[in-house]
Amino acid sequence: ALPPPQSTCDAPVYMVVEGRTLDRARMLAYGKAIAESEVYQKLGGYYVTMPQPLEVFEGDLPQGYVNLTVRFPCIENARAFWNSKVYQEQILPIRQNP
């Protein structure tokens, strides 16, 4: 699905991804595949935060827990990223079932 024309894409949204990294090599390959595909850039998305371990001030998180945030200019572009053929068929499988 193509994103809407830029003139109608002006309600920014943030996609937050969080979880444990169980296979660091696969997650590095996943990040590299996203970067090389330029799918974020084509849809106006960019990282607000990078996947870094969190500093926990209260409570406990599992070892290897990370959080990252990606900003898109509108929900349609975020959905276009998630549902894109390149993401669903080529990139997403890299990180599944570690």
N, C-alpha and C. Protein backbone atom coordinates (compact mmCIF):
# COMPACT_ATOMS: atom_id res chain seq x y z
N ALA A 1 0.83 -1.18 0.00
CA ALA A 1 0.00 0.00 0.00
C ALA A 1 0.87 1.24 0.00
N LEU A 2 0.55 2.16 -0.84
CA LEU A 2 1.31 3.41 -0.90
C LEU A 2 0.82 4.36 0.18
N PRO A 3 1.74 5.17 0.74
CA PRO A 3 1.32 6.15 1.73
C PRO A 3 0.51 7.26 1.07
N PRO A 4 -0.26 8.00 1.86
CA PRO A 4 -1.04 9.10 1.30
C PRO A 4 -0.11 10.21 0.84
N PRO A 5 -0.60 11.12 0.00
CA PRO A 5 0.22 12.27 -0.39
C PRO A 5 0.70 13.02 0.85
N GLN A 6 1.89 13.58 0.79
CA GLN A 6 2.47 14.26 1.95
C GLN A 6 1.56 15.35 2.50
N SER A 7 0.79 16.01 1.65
CA SER A 7 -0.05 17.10 2.12
C SER A 7 -1.11 16.62 3.11
N THR A 8 -1.48 15.35 3.07
CA THR A 8 -2.48 14.84 4.00
C THR A 8 -1.85 14.05 5.14
N CYS A 9 -0.56 13.94 5.13
CA CYS A 9 0.15 13.14 6.13
C CYS A 9 0.84 14.07 7.12
N ASP A 10 0.07 14.62 8.04
CA ASP A 10 0.64 15.61 8.95
C ASP A 10 0.16 15.46 10.39
N ALA A 11 -0.06 14.24 10.81
CA ALA A 11 -0.44 13.94 12.20
C ALA A 11 0.54 12.91 12.73
N PRO A 12 1.74 13.34 13.19
CA PRO A 12 2.79 12.41 13.58
C PRO A 12 2.36 11.37 14.61
N VAL A 13 2.92 10.18 14.44
CA VAL A 13 2.70 9.07 15.37
C VAL A 13 4.06 8.45 15.71
N TYR A 14 4.09 7.76 16.84
CA TYR A 14 5.31 7.10 17.28
C TYR A 14 5.04 5.61 17.42
N MET A 15 5.90 4.83 16.81
CA MET A 15 5.84 3.38 16.93
C MET A 15 6.87 2.98 17.99
N VAL A 16 6.42 2.38 19.07
CA VAL A 16 7.30 1.97 20.16
C VAL A 16 7.46 0.46 20.10
N VAL A 17 8.70 0.02 20.09
CA VAL A 17 9.03 -1.40 20.03
C VAL A 17 9.83 -1.72 21.28
N GLU A 18 9.42 -2.77 21.98
CA GLU A 18 10.15 -3.13 23.18
C GLU A 18 10.15 -4.64 23.35
N GLY A 19 11.16 -5.13 24.01
CA GLY A 19 11.23 -6.56 24.27
C GLY A 19 12.65 -7.00 24.54
N ARG A 20 12.81 -8.29 24.67
CA ARG A 20 14.14 -8.87 24.93
C ARG A 20 14.82 -9.23 23.62
N THR A 21 16.12 -9.07 23.60
CA THR A 21 16.94 -9.53 22.49
C THR A 21 17.46 -10.90 22.86
N LEU A 22 16.94 -11.91 22.18
CA LEU A 22 17.34 -13.29 22.49
C LEU A 22 18.47 -13.78 21.58
N ASP A 23 18.61 -13.16 20.42
CA ASP A 23 19.65 -13.55 19.47
C ASP A 23 20.23 -12.27 18.86
N ARG A 24 21.30 -11.79 19.47
CA ARG A 24 21.88 -10.50 19.07
C ARG A 24 22.27 -10.47 17.60
N ALA A 25 22.86 -11.53 17.08
CA ALA A 25 23.29 -11.55 15.68
C ALA A 25 22.10 -11.38 14.73
N ARG A 26 21.00 -12.07 15.03
CA ARG A 26 19.80 -11.94 14.18
C ARG A 26 19.21 -10.54 14.28
N MET A 27 19.21 -9.95 15.48
CA MET A 27 18.65 -8.60 15.62
C MET A 27 19.53 -7.57 14.90
N LEU A 28 20.82 -7.78 14.89
CA LEU A 28 21.70 -6.89 14.12
C LEU A 28 21.41 -7.03 12.63
N ALA A 29 21.19 -8.25 12.17
CA ALA A 29 20.85 -8.49 10.76
C ALA A 29 19.49 -7.86 10.43
N TYR A 30 18.55 -7.93 11.35
CA TYR A 30 17.22 -7.34 11.19
C TYR A 30 17.34 -5.81 11.05
N GLY A 31 18.10 -5.18 11.94
CA GLY A 31 18.31 -3.73 11.87
C GLY A 31 18.99 -3.32 10.58
N LYS A 32 19.97 -4.11 10.16
CA LYS A 32 20.68 -3.83 8.91
C LYS A 32 19.72 -3.94 7.72
N ALA A 33 18.85 -4.94 7.73
CA ALA A 33 17.90 -5.12 6.63
C ALA A 33 16.92 -3.96 6.55
N ILE A 34 16.46 -3.46 7.70
CA ILE A 34 15.58 -2.29 7.70
C ILE A 34 16.32 -1.09 7.10
N ALA A 35 17.55 -0.86 7.55
CA ALA A 35 18.33 0.28 7.06
C ALA A 35 18.56 0.17 5.55
N GLU A 36 18.97 -1.00 5.09
CA GLU A 36 19.27 -1.16 3.66
C GLU A 36 18.03 -1.06 2.78
N SER A 37 16.87 -1.42 3.32
CA SER A 37 15.63 -1.34 2.53
C SER A 37 15.17 0.11 2.35
N GLU A 38 15.60 0.98 3.25
CA GLU A 38 15.21 2.39 3.28
C GLU A 38 13.69 2.56 3.43
N VAL A 39 13.02 1.54 3.95
CA VAL A 39 11.57 1.60 4.08
C VAL A 39 11.14 2.70 5.06
N TYR A 40 11.87 2.91 6.16
CA TYR A 40 11.54 4.01 7.06
C TYR A 40 11.63 5.34 6.34
N GLN A 41 12.76 5.57 5.68
CA GLN A 41 12.99 6.85 5.02
C GLN A 41 11.95 7.13 3.94
N LYS A 42 11.61 6.11 3.16
CA LYS A 42 10.63 6.29 2.08
C LYS A 42 9.27 6.71 2.61
N LEU A 43 8.98 6.36 3.85
CA LEU A 43 7.69 6.69 4.44
C LEU A 43 7.80 7.81 5.47
N GLY A 44 8.94 8.51 5.46
CA GLY A 44 9.13 9.65 6.35
C GLY A 44 9.40 9.26 7.79
N GLY A 45 9.76 8.01 8.04
CA GLY A 45 10.03 7.56 9.40
C GLY A 45 11.49 7.73 9.77
N TYR A 46 11.73 7.91 11.06
CA TYR A 46 13.10 7.96 11.55
C TYR A 46 13.12 7.57 13.02
N TYR A 47 14.30 7.09 13.45
CA TYR A 47 14.46 6.68 14.85
C TYR A 47 14.47 7.91 15.75
N VAL A 48 13.68 7.87 16.80
CA VAL A 48 13.72 8.88 17.85
C VAL A 48 14.68 8.39 18.93
N THR A 49 14.60 7.10 19.24
CA THR A 49 15.54 6.45 20.14
C THR A 49 16.02 5.18 19.48
N MET A 50 17.23 4.81 19.77
CA MET A 50 17.81 3.59 19.22
C MET A 50 17.63 2.45 20.22
N PRO A 51 17.71 1.20 19.75
CA PRO A 51 17.51 0.07 20.66
C PRO A 51 18.69 -0.09 21.62
N GLN A 52 18.54 0.48 22.77
CA GLN A 52 19.58 0.42 23.79
C GLN A 52 19.00 -0.24 25.04
N PRO A 53 19.84 -0.87 25.83
CA PRO A 53 19.36 -1.38 27.11
C PRO A 53 18.84 -0.22 27.95
N LEU A 54 17.83 -0.50 28.75
CA LEU A 54 17.23 0.53 29.59
C LEU A 54 17.88 0.55 30.96
N GLU A 55 17.95 1.71 31.53
CA GLU A 55 18.35 1.86 32.92
C GLU A 55 17.07 1.77 33.75
N VAL A 56 17.02 0.84 34.66
CA VAL A 56 15.82 0.62 35.46
C VAL A 56 16.03 1.26 36.83
N PHE A 57 15.12 2.16 37.20
CA PHE A 57 15.20 2.82 38.49
C PHE A 57 14.28 2.19 39.53
N GLU A 58 13.28 1.47 39.06
CA GLU A 58 12.37 0.79 39.98
C GLU A 58 11.85 -0.47 39.31
N GLY A 59 11.83 -1.58 40.02
CA GLY A 59 11.37 -2.84 39.45
C GLY A 59 12.48 -3.54 38.69
N ASP A 60 12.13 -4.62 38.04
CA ASP A 60 13.11 -5.43 37.33
C ASP A 60 12.67 -5.66 35.89
N LEU A 61 13.62 -5.73 35.00
CA LEU A 61 13.39 -6.10 33.61
C LEU A 61 14.28 -7.29 33.29
N PRO A 62 13.85 -8.14 32.37
CA PRO A 62 14.70 -9.27 31.99
C PRO A 62 16.00 -8.78 31.33
N GLN A 63 17.03 -9.56 31.45
CA GLN A 63 18.30 -9.26 30.80
C GLN A 63 18.07 -9.16 29.30
N GLY A 64 18.71 -8.20 28.63
CA GLY A 64 18.59 -8.05 27.19
C GLY A 64 17.37 -7.27 26.74
N TYR A 65 16.65 -6.65 27.66
CA TYR A 65 15.45 -5.89 27.33
C TYR A 65 15.85 -4.56 26.69
N VAL A 66 15.21 -4.23 25.56
CA VAL A 66 15.50 -2.98 24.86
C VAL A 66 14.20 -2.29 24.48
N ASN A 67 14.33 -1.03 24.12
CA ASN A 67 13.19 -0.20 23.71
C ASN A 67 13.68 0.73 22.62
N LEU A 68 12.87 0.91 21.58
CA LEU A 68 13.20 1.90 20.55
C LEU A 68 11.92 2.56 20.09
N THR A 69 12.06 3.76 19.55
CA THR A 69 10.91 4.52 19.08
C THR A 69 11.20 5.04 17.68
N VAL A 70 10.20 4.88 16.79
CA VAL A 70 10.30 5.38 15.42
C VAL A 70 9.16 6.36 15.20
N ARG A 71 9.45 7.52 14.66
CA ARG A 71 8.43 8.53 14.36
C ARG A 71 8.06 8.46 12.89
N PHE A 72 6.77 8.46 12.60
CA PHE A 72 6.25 8.53 11.24
C PHE A 72 5.39 9.79 11.14
N PRO A 73 5.28 10.37 9.95
CA PRO A 73 4.50 11.61 9.81
C PRO A 73 2.99 11.42 9.99
N CYS A 74 2.50 10.16 9.91
CA CYS A 74 1.08 9.89 10.13
C CYS A 74 0.90 8.39 10.30
N ILE A 75 -0.26 8.00 10.82
CA ILE A 75 -0.55 6.60 11.08
C ILE A 75 -0.58 5.79 9.77
N GLU A 76 -1.03 6.42 8.70
CA GLU A 76 -1.07 5.70 7.41
C GLU A 76 0.32 5.26 6.98
N ASN A 77 1.33 6.11 7.20
CA ASN A 77 2.69 5.74 6.82
C ASN A 77 3.25 4.65 7.73
N ALA A 78 2.90 4.72 9.02
CA ALA A 78 3.33 3.66 9.94
C ALA A 78 2.72 2.32 9.51
N ARG A 79 1.44 2.35 9.17
CA ARG A 79 0.78 1.12 8.70
C ARG A 79 1.36 0.65 7.37
N ALA A 80 1.68 1.60 6.49
CA ALA A 80 2.28 1.24 5.20
C ALA A 80 3.62 0.55 5.41
N PHE A 81 4.40 1.01 6.39
CA PHE A 81 5.66 0.34 6.73
C PHE A 81 5.36 -1.09 7.20
N TRP A 82 4.51 -1.21 8.22
CA TRP A 82 4.25 -2.51 8.84
C TRP A 82 3.70 -3.52 7.83
N ASN A 83 2.82 -3.07 6.97
CA ASN A 83 2.17 -3.96 6.02
C ASN A 83 2.89 -4.09 4.68
N SER A 84 4.01 -3.39 4.53
CA SER A 84 4.72 -3.45 3.25
C SER A 84 5.22 -4.86 2.97
N LYS A 85 5.25 -5.19 1.71
CA LYS A 85 5.71 -6.51 1.28
C LYS A 85 7.16 -6.74 1.71
N VAL A 86 8.00 -5.72 1.55
CA VAL A 86 9.41 -5.87 1.91
C VAL A 86 9.56 -6.16 3.41
N TYR A 87 8.78 -5.49 4.25
CA TYR A 87 8.89 -5.74 5.69
C TYR A 87 8.31 -7.11 6.05
N GLN A 88 7.11 -7.39 5.62
CA GLN A 88 6.44 -8.62 5.99
C GLN A 88 7.12 -9.87 5.45
N GLU A 89 7.64 -9.81 4.22
CA GLU A 89 8.19 -11.02 3.59
C GLU A 89 9.70 -11.17 3.71
N GLN A 90 10.42 -10.04 3.79
CA GLN A 90 11.89 -10.15 3.79
C GLN A 90 12.54 -9.79 5.13
N ILE A 91 11.97 -8.79 5.83
CA ILE A 91 12.63 -8.29 7.04
C ILE A 91 12.10 -8.93 8.32
N LEU A 92 10.80 -8.92 8.50
CA LEU A 92 10.18 -9.46 9.71
C LEU A 92 10.62 -10.90 10.01
N PRO A 93 10.69 -11.80 9.03
CA PRO A 93 11.11 -13.17 9.33
C PRO A 93 12.50 -13.28 9.97
N ILE A 94 13.35 -12.30 9.76
CA ILE A 94 14.70 -12.35 10.32
C ILE A 94 14.65 -12.37 11.85
N ARG A 95 13.71 -11.64 12.45
CA ARG A 95 13.66 -11.54 13.90
C ARG A 95 12.67 -12.50 14.56
N GLN A 96 11.89 -13.22 13.78
CA GLN A 96 10.90 -14.10 14.35
C GLN A 96 11.51 -15.42 14.81
N ASN A 97 10.95 -15.99 15.87
CA ASN A 97 11.35 -17.30 16.40
C ASN A 97 12.85 -17.44 16.64
N PRO A 98 13.41 -16.54 17.45
CA PRO A 98 14.87 -16.65 17.71
C PRO A 98 15.21 -17.91 18.48
